[in-house]
Amino acid sequence: MRYKTHGDQTAYSRTGSAGCLPQSGLTKREFFAALALQGAISNSFTMNHLVESGITNKSVKELVGSFVEFADLLIEELNKDENNN
């Protein structure tokens, strides 16, 4: 059986040690969504398209929502059993 990942698990948690407080960090879902966002906004084609089509609050919200959906789909795909899907 493969290890399952969950969106609410921390991506990079840190336990406390001498002089350092424990930190939970971002969830895997938040981390995956942030990576998708980072990739998109670093792509000049994506940014040019947004500027040319007129950036609005609605278009930005829709775009950001799609990155969260990408994260959810990635987690779902990672959890598929190799034999049973």
C-alpha atoms as a PDB file:
ATOM      1  CA  MET A   1       0.000   0.000   0.000  1.00  0.00           C
ATOM      2  CA  ARG A   2       1.303   3.412  -0.945  1.00  0.00           C
ATOM      3  CA  TYR A   3       1.560   6.268   1.491  1.00  0.00           C
ATOM      4  CA  LYS A   4      -1.392   8.643   1.126  1.00  0.00           C
ATOM      5  CA  THR A   5      -0.974  12.391   1.192  1.00  0.00           C
ATOM      6  CA  HIS A   6      -3.588  14.737   2.602  1.00  0.00           C
ATOM      7  CA  GLY A   7      -4.081  18.381   1.759  1.00  0.00           C
ATOM      8  CA  ASP A   8      -4.271  19.391   5.394  1.00  0.00           C
ATOM      9  CA  GLN A   9      -0.893  17.816   6.273  1.00  0.00           C
ATOM     10  CA  THR A  10       1.963  20.262   6.683  1.00  0.00           C
ATOM     11  CA  ALA A  11       4.400  20.522   3.810  1.00  0.00           C
ATOM     12  CA  TYR A  12       7.426  21.596   5.843  1.00  0.00           C
ATOM     13  CA  SER A  13       6.731  21.447   9.535  1.00  0.00           C
ATOM     14  CA  ARG A  14       9.467  21.979  12.085  1.00  0.00           C
ATOM     15  CA  THR A  15       9.580  20.531  15.554  1.00  0.00           C
ATOM     16  CA  GLY A  16      10.829  22.697  18.362  1.00  0.00           C
ATOM     17  CA  SER A  17      14.459  22.529  19.362  1.00  0.00           C
ATOM     18  CA  ALA A  18      16.904  24.620  21.382  1.00  0.00           C
ATOM     19  CA  GLY A  19      16.131  28.235  20.551  1.00  0.00           C
ATOM     20  CA  CYS A  20      13.524  27.396  17.887  1.00  0.00           C
ATOM     21  CA  LEU A  21       9.784  27.259  18.318  1.00  0.00           C
ATOM     22  CA  PRO A  22       7.789  24.567  16.509  1.00  0.00           C
ATOM     23  CA  GLN A  23       6.105  25.709  13.312  1.00  0.00           C
ATOM     24  CA  SER A  24       3.403  23.976  11.352  1.00  0.00           C
ATOM     25  CA  GLY A  25       4.096  25.833   8.100  1.00  0.00           C
ATOM     26  CA  LEU A  26       1.877  25.677   5.043  1.00  0.00           C
ATOM     27  CA  THR A  27      -0.404  22.770   4.359  1.00  0.00           C
ATOM     28  CA  LYS A  28       0.393  20.628   1.339  1.00  0.00           C
ATOM     29  CA  ARG A  29      -2.690  22.057  -0.361  1.00  0.00           C
ATOM     30  CA  GLU A  30      -1.519  25.624   0.237  1.00  0.00           C
ATOM     31  CA  PHE A  31       2.018  24.753  -0.871  1.00  0.00           C
ATOM     32  CA  PHE A  32       0.920  23.050  -4.105  1.00  0.00           C
ATOM     33  CA  ALA A  33      -1.426  25.953  -4.932  1.00  0.00           C
ATOM     34  CA  ALA A  34       1.346  28.470  -4.272  1.00  0.00           C
ATOM     35  CA  LEU A  35       3.699  26.574  -6.594  1.00  0.00           C
ATOM     36  CA  ALA A  36       1.080  26.627  -9.361  1.00  0.00           C
ATOM     37  CA  LEU A  37       0.527  30.355  -8.808  1.00  0.00           C
ATOM     38  CA  GLN A  38       4.255  31.027  -8.843  1.00  0.00           C
ATOM     39  CA  GLY A  39       4.658  29.145 -12.113  1.00  0.00           C
ATOM     40  CA  ALA A  40       1.811  31.005 -13.772  1.00  0.00           C
ATOM     41  CA  ILE A  41       2.839  34.497 -12.756  1.00  0.00           C
ATOM     42  CA  SER A  42       6.443  33.847 -13.756  1.00  0.00           C
ATOM     43  CA  ASN A  43       5.206  33.005 -17.258  1.00  0.00           C
ATOM     44  CA  SER A  44       5.187  36.148 -19.400  1.00  0.00           C
ATOM     45  CA  PHE A  45       2.502  34.705 -21.715  1.00  0.00           C
ATOM     46  CA  THR A  46       0.095  34.287 -18.795  1.00  0.00           C
ATOM     47  CA  MET A  47       0.752  37.741 -17.432  1.00  0.00           C
ATOM     48  CA  ASN A  48       0.487  39.397 -20.877  1.00  0.00           C
ATOM     49  CA  HIS A  49      -2.841  37.643 -21.441  1.00  0.00           C
ATOM     50  CA  LEU A  50      -4.157  38.898 -18.105  1.00  0.00           C
ATOM     51  CA  VAL A  51      -3.075  42.461 -18.827  1.00  0.00           C
ATOM     52  CA  GLU A  52      -4.442  42.442 -22.385  1.00  0.00           C
ATOM     53  CA  SER A  53      -7.780  40.984 -21.313  1.00  0.00           C
ATOM     54  CA  GLY A  54      -8.120  43.503 -18.495  1.00  0.00           C
ATOM     55  CA  ILE A  55      -7.348  42.300 -15.007  1.00  0.00           C
ATOM     56  CA  THR A  56     -10.356  42.499 -12.711  1.00  0.00           C
ATOM     57  CA  ASN A  57     -10.979  41.256  -9.192  1.00  0.00           C
ATOM     58  CA  LYS A  58     -13.247  38.590 -10.662  1.00  0.00           C
ATOM     59  CA  SER A  59     -10.633  37.328 -13.137  1.00  0.00           C
ATOM     60  CA  VAL A  60      -7.960  37.204 -10.434  1.00  0.00           C
ATOM     61  CA  LYS A  61     -10.283  35.328  -8.055  1.00  0.00           C
ATOM     62  CA  GLU A  62     -11.106  32.824 -10.804  1.00  0.00           C
ATOM     63  CA  LEU A  63      -7.432  32.365 -11.619  1.00  0.00           C
ATOM     64  CA  VAL A  64      -6.436  31.884  -8.000  1.00  0.00           C
ATOM     65  CA  GLY A  65      -9.328  29.460  -7.518  1.00  0.00           C
ATOM     66  CA  SER A  66      -8.015  27.379 -10.399  1.00  0.00           C
ATOM     67  CA  PHE A  67      -4.666  26.985  -8.626  1.00  0.00           C
ATOM     68  CA  VAL A  68      -6.427  25.617  -5.551  1.00  0.00           C
ATOM     69  CA  GLU A  69      -8.307  23.207  -7.842  1.00  0.00           C
ATOM     70  CA  PHE A  70      -4.975  22.157  -9.386  1.00  0.00           C
ATOM     71  CA  ALA A  71      -3.663  21.449  -5.889  1.00  0.00           C
ATOM     72  CA  ASP A  72      -6.719  19.354  -5.035  1.00  0.00           C
ATOM     73  CA  LEU A  73      -6.420  17.387  -8.280  1.00  0.00           C
ATOM     74  CA  LEU A  74      -2.717  16.805  -7.697  1.00  0.00           C
ATOM     75  CA  ILE A  75      -3.396  15.438  -4.214  1.00  0.00           C
ATOM     76  CA  GLU A  76      -6.155  13.225  -5.616  1.00  0.00           C
ATOM     77  CA  GLU A  77      -3.837  11.912  -8.343  1.00  0.00           C
ATOM     78  CA  LEU A  78      -1.019  11.275  -5.875  1.00  0.00           C
ATOM     79  CA  ASN A  79      -3.382   9.154  -3.795  1.00  0.00           C
ATOM     80  CA  LYS A  80      -4.482   6.915  -6.628  1.00  0.00           C
ATOM     81  CA  ASP A  81      -3.523   3.301  -6.182  1.00  0.00           C
ATOM     82  CA  GLU A  82      -1.254   2.179  -9.027  1.00  0.00           C
ATOM     83  CA  ASN A  83      -3.500  -0.820  -9.773  1.00  0.00           C
ATOM     84  CA  ASN A  84      -6.978   0.365  -8.897  1.00  0.00           C
ATOM     85  CA  ASN A  85      -6.887   4.071  -9.746  1.00  0.00           C
END
